[in-house]
Amino acid sequence: MTAVTACVGLGGNVGEVARALDGAVRALDALPGSRLLRVSRVYRTPAWGQPDQPDFLNAAVALETLLRPRQLLDALLGIEQRFGRERAADGSGRWGPRTLDLDLLLYGDAVVDEPGLQVPHPHLHERAFALVPLAEIAADVQIPGHGSVRAALAALDADGIEAIP
């Protein structure tokens, strides 16, 4: 199998989030058949979906990997669990507070639509909190069906999203 560049969004808003993001980046770099290519800065972003919660810290990574999309997603879920993330089986609490959230945003130019796995992330083009860090490391990458990351971000309001020094 040929290596693919995958983009992963990282976020969290409960506990020691900066430490969790740093640990998650190290864990991503340690995945079998994978290596980090680029890591964005960390951004403070207003809570989305359920606004009555603390702000989030968000980042993005580009990862070269030999893992297939489902294998990569399973690895992401495992990393989340190691950092205390609990996901309700029924999907409730989907936009609520979390210690760590890892989203498979892009997997090369692949389009995947399977139960529990959609790539590109189905709402990536609508979410400035994901696009701002992604644009820092992969602005010209195409979101299948939606144009470049840069173009998708230009169509959104990114007010309130700020890089953490």
N, C-alpha and C. Protein backbone atom coordinates (compact mmCIF):
# COMPACT_ATOMS: atom_id res chain seq x y z
N MET A 1 0.84 -1.18 0.00
CA MET A 1 0.00 0.00 0.00
C MET A 1 0.88 1.25 0.00
N THR A 2 0.44 2.26 -0.69
CA THR A 2 1.15 3.53 -0.75
C THR A 2 0.74 4.40 0.43
N ALA A 3 1.67 5.15 0.97
CA ALA A 3 1.36 6.06 2.07
C ALA A 3 0.41 7.15 1.59
N VAL A 4 -0.46 7.57 2.48
CA VAL A 4 -1.46 8.60 2.22
C VAL A 4 -1.27 9.70 3.25
N THR A 5 -1.51 10.94 2.85
CA THR A 5 -1.50 12.03 3.81
C THR A 5 -2.91 12.21 4.36
N ALA A 6 -3.03 12.02 5.66
CA ALA A 6 -4.29 12.20 6.35
C ALA A 6 -4.20 13.45 7.22
N CYS A 7 -5.31 14.13 7.38
CA CYS A 7 -5.36 15.30 8.25
C CYS A 7 -6.31 14.99 9.40
N VAL A 8 -5.84 15.29 10.61
CA VAL A 8 -6.58 15.00 11.82
C VAL A 8 -6.78 16.29 12.60
N GLY A 9 -8.01 16.51 13.05
CA GLY A 9 -8.31 17.64 13.91
C GLY A 9 -8.25 17.20 15.36
N LEU A 10 -7.68 18.04 16.22
CA LEU A 10 -7.57 17.75 17.64
C LEU A 10 -8.29 18.84 18.41
N GLY A 11 -8.94 18.47 19.49
CA GLY A 11 -9.61 19.47 20.31
C GLY A 11 -9.93 18.93 21.69
N GLY A 12 -10.29 19.84 22.57
CA GLY A 12 -10.70 19.47 23.91
C GLY A 12 -11.00 20.72 24.72
N ASN A 13 -11.75 20.55 25.80
CA ASN A 13 -12.05 21.70 26.65
C ASN A 13 -12.25 21.32 28.12
N VAL A 14 -11.80 20.14 28.52
CA VAL A 14 -11.93 19.70 29.90
C VAL A 14 -10.57 19.19 30.39
N GLY A 15 -10.19 19.60 31.59
CA GLY A 15 -8.94 19.11 32.16
C GLY A 15 -7.75 19.86 31.61
N GLU A 16 -6.62 19.18 31.57
CA GLU A 16 -5.37 19.78 31.09
C GLU A 16 -5.28 19.58 29.57
N VAL A 17 -6.04 20.40 28.85
CA VAL A 17 -6.22 20.20 27.41
C VAL A 17 -4.90 20.37 26.65
N ALA A 18 -4.12 21.37 26.97
CA ALA A 18 -2.86 21.58 26.25
C ALA A 18 -1.97 20.35 26.39
N ARG A 19 -1.93 19.77 27.57
CA ARG A 19 -1.13 18.56 27.79
C ARG A 19 -1.71 17.39 26.99
N ALA A 20 -3.03 17.27 26.96
CA ALA A 20 -3.67 16.20 26.19
C ALA A 20 -3.37 16.34 24.70
N LEU A 21 -3.44 17.57 24.17
CA LEU A 21 -3.15 17.78 22.75
C LEU A 21 -1.71 17.42 22.44
N ASP A 22 -0.79 17.82 23.31
CA ASP A 22 0.62 17.50 23.11
C ASP A 22 0.84 15.99 23.14
N GLY A 23 0.22 15.32 24.08
CA GLY A 23 0.33 13.86 24.17
C GLY A 23 -0.28 13.17 22.97
N ALA A 24 -1.39 13.70 22.49
CA ALA A 24 -2.04 13.11 21.32
C ALA A 24 -1.16 13.25 20.08
N VAL A 25 -0.51 14.40 19.92
CA VAL A 25 0.40 14.58 18.78
C VAL A 25 1.52 13.55 18.85
N ARG A 26 2.09 13.34 20.04
CA ARG A 26 3.14 12.33 20.18
C ARG A 26 2.60 10.93 19.87
N ALA A 27 1.39 10.65 20.31
CA ALA A 27 0.79 9.33 20.05
C ALA A 27 0.52 9.14 18.55
N LEU A 28 0.10 10.19 17.87
CA LEU A 28 -0.12 10.11 16.42
C LEU A 28 1.19 9.83 15.69
N ASP A 29 2.25 10.48 16.14
CA ASP A 29 3.56 10.28 15.51
C ASP A 29 4.08 8.85 15.74
N ALA A 30 3.59 8.20 16.79
CA ALA A 30 4.05 6.86 17.13
C ALA A 30 3.18 5.75 16.50
N LEU A 31 2.15 6.12 15.76
CA LEU A 31 1.29 5.10 15.15
C LEU A 31 2.11 4.26 14.17
N PRO A 32 1.84 2.97 14.09
CA PRO A 32 2.59 2.12 13.16
C PRO A 32 2.42 2.59 11.71
N GLY A 33 3.52 2.60 10.97
CA GLY A 33 3.46 2.97 9.56
C GLY A 33 3.08 4.40 9.32
N SER A 34 3.31 5.27 10.32
CA SER A 34 2.87 6.66 10.22
C SER A 34 3.97 7.59 10.72
N ARG A 35 3.93 8.82 10.20
CA ARG A 35 4.83 9.86 10.71
C ARG A 35 4.19 11.22 10.52
N LEU A 36 4.44 12.09 11.48
CA LEU A 36 3.91 13.45 11.40
C LEU A 36 4.62 14.23 10.31
N LEU A 37 3.85 14.96 9.54
CA LEU A 37 4.42 15.86 8.53
C LEU A 37 4.39 17.30 9.01
N ARG A 38 3.25 17.72 9.56
CA ARG A 38 3.07 19.10 10.01
C ARG A 38 2.10 19.13 11.20
N VAL A 39 2.33 20.10 12.09
CA VAL A 39 1.46 20.31 13.25
C VAL A 39 1.15 21.81 13.32
N SER A 40 -0.11 22.15 13.44
CA SER A 40 -0.50 23.56 13.55
C SER A 40 -0.22 24.08 14.96
N ARG A 41 -0.33 25.38 15.10
CA ARG A 41 -0.36 25.97 16.43
C ARG A 41 -1.67 25.56 17.10
N VAL A 42 -1.79 25.84 18.37
CA VAL A 42 -3.02 25.58 19.11
C VAL A 42 -3.84 26.87 19.09
N TYR A 43 -5.13 26.72 18.88
CA TYR A 43 -6.06 27.86 18.82
C TYR A 43 -7.11 27.73 19.90
N ARG A 44 -7.45 28.88 20.51
CA ARG A 44 -8.60 28.93 21.42
C ARG A 44 -9.82 29.25 20.57
N THR A 45 -10.86 28.44 20.70
CA THR A 45 -12.05 28.61 19.87
C THR A 45 -13.30 28.58 20.73
N PRO A 46 -14.30 29.40 20.40
CA PRO A 46 -15.54 29.36 21.14
C PRO A 46 -16.21 27.99 20.97
N ALA A 47 -16.88 27.54 22.03
CA ALA A 47 -17.61 26.27 21.96
C ALA A 47 -18.64 26.35 20.84
N TRP A 48 -18.85 25.23 20.19
CA TRP A 48 -19.73 25.16 19.02
C TRP A 48 -20.72 24.03 19.24
N GLY A 49 -21.95 24.20 18.80
CA GLY A 49 -22.95 23.15 18.93
C GLY A 49 -23.68 23.20 20.26
N GLN A 50 -22.94 23.34 21.33
CA GLN A 50 -23.47 23.49 22.67
C GLN A 50 -22.66 24.59 23.33
N PRO A 51 -23.09 25.86 23.14
CA PRO A 51 -22.25 26.99 23.52
C PRO A 51 -22.06 27.21 25.02
N ASP A 52 -22.87 26.60 25.88
CA ASP A 52 -22.76 26.84 27.32
C ASP A 52 -21.73 25.92 27.97
N GLN A 53 -20.50 26.00 27.48
CA GLN A 53 -19.40 25.20 28.01
C GLN A 53 -18.11 25.98 27.78
N PRO A 54 -17.01 25.54 28.40
CA PRO A 54 -15.75 26.27 28.22
C PRO A 54 -15.29 26.29 26.77
N ASP A 55 -14.49 27.32 26.43
CA ASP A 55 -13.87 27.38 25.11
C ASP A 55 -13.04 26.12 24.87
N PHE A 56 -12.81 25.82 23.62
CA PHE A 56 -12.00 24.68 23.23
C PHE A 56 -10.60 25.13 22.86
N LEU A 57 -9.67 24.21 22.92
CA LEU A 57 -8.37 24.36 22.29
C LEU A 57 -8.40 23.41 21.10
N ASN A 58 -8.00 23.90 19.93
CA ASN A 58 -8.02 23.09 18.71
C ASN A 58 -6.69 23.19 17.99
N ALA A 59 -6.35 22.13 17.27
CA ALA A 59 -5.14 22.08 16.45
C ALA A 59 -5.41 21.10 15.32
N ALA A 60 -4.46 20.98 14.42
CA ALA A 60 -4.57 20.01 13.32
C ALA A 60 -3.18 19.46 13.01
N VAL A 61 -3.16 18.23 12.53
CA VAL A 61 -1.91 17.62 12.08
C VAL A 61 -2.11 17.01 10.71
N ALA A 62 -1.03 17.00 9.95
CA ALA A 62 -0.97 16.23 8.70
C ALA A 62 -0.05 15.06 9.00
N LEU A 63 -0.51 13.87 8.64
CA LEU A 63 0.15 12.63 9.01
C LEU A 63 0.29 11.77 7.76
N GLU A 64 1.49 11.32 7.48
CA GLU A 64 1.68 10.35 6.39
C GLU A 64 1.48 8.97 7.01
N THR A 65 0.61 8.16 6.41
CA THR A 65 0.29 6.88 7.04
C THR A 65 0.05 5.78 6.02
N LEU A 66 0.38 4.57 6.46
CA LEU A 66 0.06 3.37 5.70
C LEU A 66 -1.23 2.74 6.20
N LEU A 67 -1.76 3.26 7.32
CA LEU A 67 -3.01 2.73 7.87
C LEU A 67 -4.17 3.06 6.94
N ARG A 68 -5.08 2.14 6.81
CA ARG A 68 -6.31 2.38 6.03
C ARG A 68 -7.24 3.28 6.87
N PRO A 69 -8.23 3.91 6.24
CA PRO A 69 -9.08 4.85 6.99
C PRO A 69 -9.70 4.25 8.26
N ARG A 70 -10.24 3.05 8.20
CA ARG A 70 -10.87 2.46 9.39
C ARG A 70 -9.82 2.17 10.46
N GLN A 71 -8.64 1.69 10.05
CA GLN A 71 -7.57 1.44 11.02
C GLN A 71 -7.14 2.73 11.70
N LEU A 72 -7.04 3.80 10.92
CA LEU A 72 -6.65 5.09 11.47
C LEU A 72 -7.71 5.60 12.43
N LEU A 73 -8.98 5.51 12.04
CA LEU A 73 -10.05 5.94 12.93
C LEU A 73 -10.01 5.16 14.24
N ASP A 74 -9.84 3.84 14.16
CA ASP A 74 -9.76 3.03 15.38
C ASP A 74 -8.60 3.47 16.26
N ALA A 75 -7.47 3.80 15.64
CA ALA A 75 -6.31 4.29 16.40
C ALA A 75 -6.63 5.62 17.07
N LEU A 76 -7.34 6.51 16.36
CA LEU A 76 -7.71 7.80 16.94
C LEU A 76 -8.62 7.60 18.15
N LEU A 77 -9.59 6.71 18.03
CA LEU A 77 -10.50 6.44 19.14
C LEU A 77 -9.74 5.86 20.33
N GLY A 78 -8.75 5.02 20.06
CA GLY A 78 -7.93 4.46 21.14
C GLY A 78 -7.13 5.54 21.86
N ILE A 79 -6.58 6.48 21.09
CA ILE A 79 -5.83 7.58 21.71
C ILE A 79 -6.77 8.42 22.57
N GLU A 80 -7.96 8.72 22.06
CA GLU A 80 -8.94 9.47 22.85
C GLU A 80 -9.19 8.78 24.19
N GLN A 81 -9.42 7.49 24.15
CA GLN A 81 -9.70 6.75 25.39
C GLN A 81 -8.54 6.83 26.37
N ARG A 82 -7.31 6.74 25.86
CA ARG A 82 -6.14 6.83 26.74
C ARG A 82 -6.09 8.18 27.46
N PHE A 83 -6.70 9.20 26.88
CA PHE A 83 -6.71 10.53 27.49
C PHE A 83 -8.04 10.83 28.19
N GLY A 84 -8.79 9.78 28.49
CA GLY A 84 -9.99 9.93 29.31
C GLY A 84 -11.27 10.25 28.58
N ARG A 85 -11.28 10.19 27.28
CA ARG A 85 -12.50 10.48 26.52
C ARG A 85 -13.47 9.32 26.64
N GLU A 86 -14.70 9.64 26.96
CA GLU A 86 -15.75 8.64 26.99
C GLU A 86 -16.81 9.06 25.98
N ARG A 87 -17.14 8.14 25.09
CA ARG A 87 -18.17 8.40 24.08
C ARG A 87 -19.41 7.59 24.41
N ALA A 88 -20.56 8.25 24.46
CA ALA A 88 -21.81 7.54 24.70
C ALA A 88 -22.15 6.71 23.47
N ALA A 89 -22.55 5.48 23.67
CA ALA A 89 -22.87 4.57 22.56
C ALA A 89 -23.98 5.13 21.68
N ASP A 90 -24.90 5.91 22.27
CA ASP A 90 -26.02 6.45 21.50
C ASP A 90 -25.70 7.78 20.82
N GLY A 91 -24.46 8.27 21.00
CA GLY A 91 -24.07 9.52 20.35
C GLY A 91 -24.48 10.76 21.12
N SER A 92 -25.16 10.60 22.26
CA SER A 92 -25.54 11.77 23.04
C SER A 92 -24.28 12.44 23.58
N GLY A 93 -24.37 13.70 23.87
CA GLY A 93 -23.21 14.43 24.36
C GLY A 93 -22.20 14.73 23.27
N ARG A 94 -22.62 14.57 22.04
CA ARG A 94 -21.75 14.70 20.89
C ARG A 94 -21.03 16.04 20.81
N TRP A 95 -21.68 17.11 21.22
CA TRP A 95 -21.05 18.44 21.17
C TRP A 95 -20.73 18.96 22.56
N GLY A 96 -20.76 18.09 23.53
CA GLY A 96 -20.51 18.50 24.91
C GLY A 96 -19.03 18.56 25.23
N PRO A 97 -18.73 18.88 26.49
CA PRO A 97 -17.35 18.97 26.95
C PRO A 97 -16.61 17.64 26.75
N ARG A 98 -15.31 17.73 26.49
CA ARG A 98 -14.52 16.52 26.30
C ARG A 98 -13.05 16.78 26.61
N THR A 99 -12.38 15.72 27.07
CA THR A 99 -10.96 15.82 27.38
C THR A 99 -10.13 15.87 26.11
N LEU A 100 -10.54 15.09 25.11
CA LEU A 100 -9.81 15.03 23.84
C LEU A 100 -10.75 14.54 22.75
N ASP A 101 -10.71 15.20 21.63
CA ASP A 101 -11.49 14.81 20.46
C ASP A 101 -10.53 14.76 19.27
N LEU A 102 -10.47 13.61 18.61
CA LEU A 102 -9.65 13.46 17.41
C LEU A 102 -10.57 13.12 16.25
N ASP A 103 -10.56 13.95 15.24
CA ASP A 103 -11.41 13.74 14.07
C ASP A 103 -10.56 13.50 12.83
N LEU A 104 -10.88 12.44 12.11
CA LEU A 104 -10.25 12.20 10.82
C LEU A 104 -10.92 13.13 9.82
N LEU A 105 -10.22 14.20 9.46
CA LEU A 105 -10.79 15.23 8.59
C LEU A 105 -10.67 14.86 7.12
N LEU A 106 -9.48 14.44 6.73
CA LEU A 106 -9.20 14.11 5.33
C LEU A 106 -8.28 12.90 5.29
N TYR A 107 -8.45 12.09 4.26
CA TYR A 107 -7.59 10.94 4.03
C TYR A 107 -7.22 10.97 2.56
N GLY A 108 -6.12 11.69 2.26
CA GLY A 108 -5.77 11.93 0.86
C GLY A 108 -6.96 12.58 0.16
N ASP A 109 -7.26 12.10 -1.04
CA ASP A 109 -8.44 12.62 -1.75
C ASP A 109 -9.60 11.63 -1.70
N ALA A 110 -9.52 10.68 -0.75
CA ALA A 110 -10.54 9.64 -0.64
C ALA A 110 -11.87 10.18 -0.13
N VAL A 111 -12.93 9.56 -0.62
CA VAL A 111 -14.27 9.78 -0.10
C VAL A 111 -14.72 8.44 0.45
N VAL A 112 -14.99 8.41 1.75
CA VAL A 112 -15.39 7.18 2.43
C VAL A 112 -16.72 7.43 3.11
N ASP A 113 -17.69 6.54 2.89
CA ASP A 113 -18.99 6.66 3.55
C ASP A 113 -19.40 5.27 4.04
N GLU A 114 -19.02 4.98 5.26
CA GLU A 114 -19.31 3.70 5.89
C GLU A 114 -19.97 3.98 7.23
N PRO A 115 -20.65 3.01 7.80
CA PRO A 115 -21.20 3.24 9.14
C PRO A 115 -20.09 3.64 10.12
N GLY A 116 -20.25 4.79 10.75
CA GLY A 116 -19.29 5.27 11.72
C GLY A 116 -18.04 5.92 11.15
N LEU A 117 -17.94 6.03 9.83
CA LEU A 117 -16.75 6.62 9.22
C LEU A 117 -17.13 7.36 7.94
N GLN A 118 -16.98 8.68 7.99
CA GLN A 118 -17.20 9.50 6.80
C GLN A 118 -15.99 10.39 6.59
N VAL A 119 -15.42 10.31 5.41
CA VAL A 119 -14.27 11.12 5.03
C VAL A 119 -14.53 11.66 3.64
N PRO A 120 -14.36 12.96 3.38
CA PRO A 120 -13.93 13.94 4.36
C PRO A 120 -14.96 14.07 5.49
N HIS A 121 -14.50 14.60 6.63
CA HIS A 121 -15.42 14.82 7.74
C HIS A 121 -16.61 15.58 7.18
N PRO A 122 -17.84 15.10 7.41
CA PRO A 122 -19.01 15.66 6.73
C PRO A 122 -19.28 17.14 6.98
N HIS A 123 -18.77 17.70 8.06
CA HIS A 123 -19.03 19.11 8.35
C HIS A 123 -17.77 19.97 8.33
N LEU A 124 -16.67 19.40 7.86
CA LEU A 124 -15.40 20.13 7.85
C LEU A 124 -15.53 21.49 7.19
N HIS A 125 -16.15 21.54 6.03
CA HIS A 125 -16.25 22.78 5.26
C HIS A 125 -17.11 23.85 5.94
N GLU A 126 -17.81 23.48 7.03
CA GLU A 126 -18.70 24.41 7.74
C GLU A 126 -18.13 24.86 9.08
N ARG A 127 -16.96 24.37 9.47
CA ARG A 127 -16.48 24.58 10.82
C ARG A 127 -15.14 25.32 10.85
N ALA A 128 -15.23 26.60 11.15
CA ALA A 128 -14.02 27.42 11.21
C ALA A 128 -13.05 26.91 12.27
N PHE A 129 -13.55 26.36 13.37
CA PHE A 129 -12.65 25.89 14.42
C PHE A 129 -11.76 24.75 13.94
N ALA A 130 -12.20 24.01 12.94
CA ALA A 130 -11.37 22.95 12.35
C ALA A 130 -10.54 23.49 11.18
N LEU A 131 -11.12 24.39 10.41
CA LEU A 131 -10.44 24.89 9.22
C LEU A 131 -9.29 25.85 9.52
N VAL A 132 -9.40 26.65 10.58
CA VAL A 132 -8.33 27.61 10.87
C VAL A 132 -7.01 26.89 11.12
N PRO A 133 -6.96 25.90 12.04
CA PRO A 133 -5.67 25.21 12.21
C PRO A 133 -5.29 24.38 10.98
N LEU A 134 -6.26 23.81 10.30
CA LEU A 134 -5.96 23.02 9.10
C LEU A 134 -5.37 23.91 8.01
N ALA A 135 -5.90 25.12 7.86
CA ALA A 135 -5.39 26.03 6.83
C ALA A 135 -3.94 26.42 7.10
N GLU A 136 -3.54 26.42 8.36
CA GLU A 136 -2.15 26.75 8.69
C GLU A 136 -1.18 25.72 8.13
N ILE A 137 -1.60 24.46 8.05
CA ILE A 137 -0.69 23.40 7.62
C ILE A 137 -1.02 22.80 6.25
N ALA A 138 -2.23 23.09 5.73
CA ALA A 138 -2.65 22.45 4.48
C ALA A 138 -3.68 23.31 3.74
N ALA A 139 -3.40 24.59 3.57
CA ALA A 139 -4.37 25.52 2.99
C ALA A 139 -4.81 25.13 1.58
N ASP A 140 -3.91 24.56 0.80
CA ASP A 140 -4.24 24.26 -0.59
C ASP A 140 -4.78 22.85 -0.81
N VAL A 141 -4.85 22.07 0.24
CA VAL A 141 -5.40 20.72 0.13
C VAL A 141 -6.88 20.81 -0.22
N GLN A 142 -7.31 19.91 -1.09
CA GLN A 142 -8.71 19.90 -1.53
C GLN A 142 -9.58 19.09 -0.58
N ILE A 143 -10.74 19.63 -0.25
CA ILE A 143 -11.77 18.90 0.47
C ILE A 143 -12.69 18.35 -0.61
N PRO A 144 -12.67 17.03 -0.85
CA PRO A 144 -13.48 16.50 -1.95
C PRO A 144 -14.92 17.02 -1.92
N GLY A 145 -15.32 17.61 -3.03
CA GLY A 145 -16.67 18.14 -3.16
C GLY A 145 -16.84 19.57 -2.67
N HIS A 146 -15.77 20.18 -2.10
CA HIS A 146 -15.93 21.51 -1.51
C HIS A 146 -14.81 22.48 -1.84
N GLY A 147 -13.84 22.11 -2.64
CA GLY A 147 -12.75 23.01 -2.97
C GLY A 147 -11.64 22.94 -1.93
N SER A 148 -10.77 23.94 -1.94
CA SER A 148 -9.62 23.94 -1.06
C SER A 148 -10.00 24.31 0.37
N VAL A 149 -9.13 23.94 1.29
CA VAL A 149 -9.30 24.32 2.69
C VAL A 149 -9.37 25.85 2.78
N ARG A 150 -8.47 26.54 2.06
CA ARG A 150 -8.43 28.00 2.08
C ARG A 150 -9.77 28.59 1.62
N ALA A 151 -10.33 28.06 0.54
CA ALA A 151 -11.60 28.59 0.02
C ALA A 151 -12.75 28.33 0.99
N ALA A 152 -12.77 27.14 1.59
CA ALA A 152 -13.83 26.83 2.56
C ALA A 152 -13.76 27.78 3.74
N LEU A 153 -12.55 28.04 4.23
CA LEU A 153 -12.38 28.94 5.37
C LEU A 153 -12.79 30.36 5.01
N ALA A 154 -12.46 30.80 3.80
CA ALA A 154 -12.79 32.17 3.37
C ALA A 154 -14.29 32.41 3.37
N ALA A 155 -15.08 31.36 3.27
CA ALA A 155 -16.54 31.49 3.22
C ALA A 155 -17.16 31.53 4.63
N LEU A 156 -16.35 31.39 5.67
CA LEU A 156 -16.86 31.31 7.04
C LEU A 156 -16.42 32.49 7.90
N ASP A 157 -17.13 32.69 9.00
CA ASP A 157 -16.77 33.69 10.00
C ASP A 157 -15.84 33.01 11.01
N ALA A 158 -14.63 33.47 11.11
CA ALA A 158 -13.66 32.87 12.05
C ALA A 158 -13.43 33.79 13.25
N ASP A 159 -14.34 34.73 13.49
CA ASP A 159 -14.19 35.63 14.64
C ASP A 159 -14.15 34.82 15.92
N GLY A 160 -13.33 35.26 16.84
CA GLY A 160 -13.22 34.61 18.14
C GLY A 160 -12.22 33.47 18.19
N ILE A 161 -11.66 33.09 17.05
CA ILE A 161 -10.64 32.03 17.01
C ILE A 161 -9.29 32.71 17.04
N GLU A 162 -8.49 32.36 18.04
CA GLU A 162 -7.18 33.02 18.15
C GLU A 162 -6.09 32.03 18.49
N ALA A 163 -4.94 32.21 17.87
CA ALA A 163 -3.78 31.36 18.15
C ALA A 163 -3.30 31.64 19.57
N ILE A 164 -2.88 30.60 20.24
CA ILE A 164 -2.32 30.74 21.58
C ILE A 164 -0.81 30.89 21.42
N PRO A 165 -0.26 31.97 21.99
CA PRO A 165 1.17 32.20 21.82
C PRO A 165 2.03 31.09 22.43
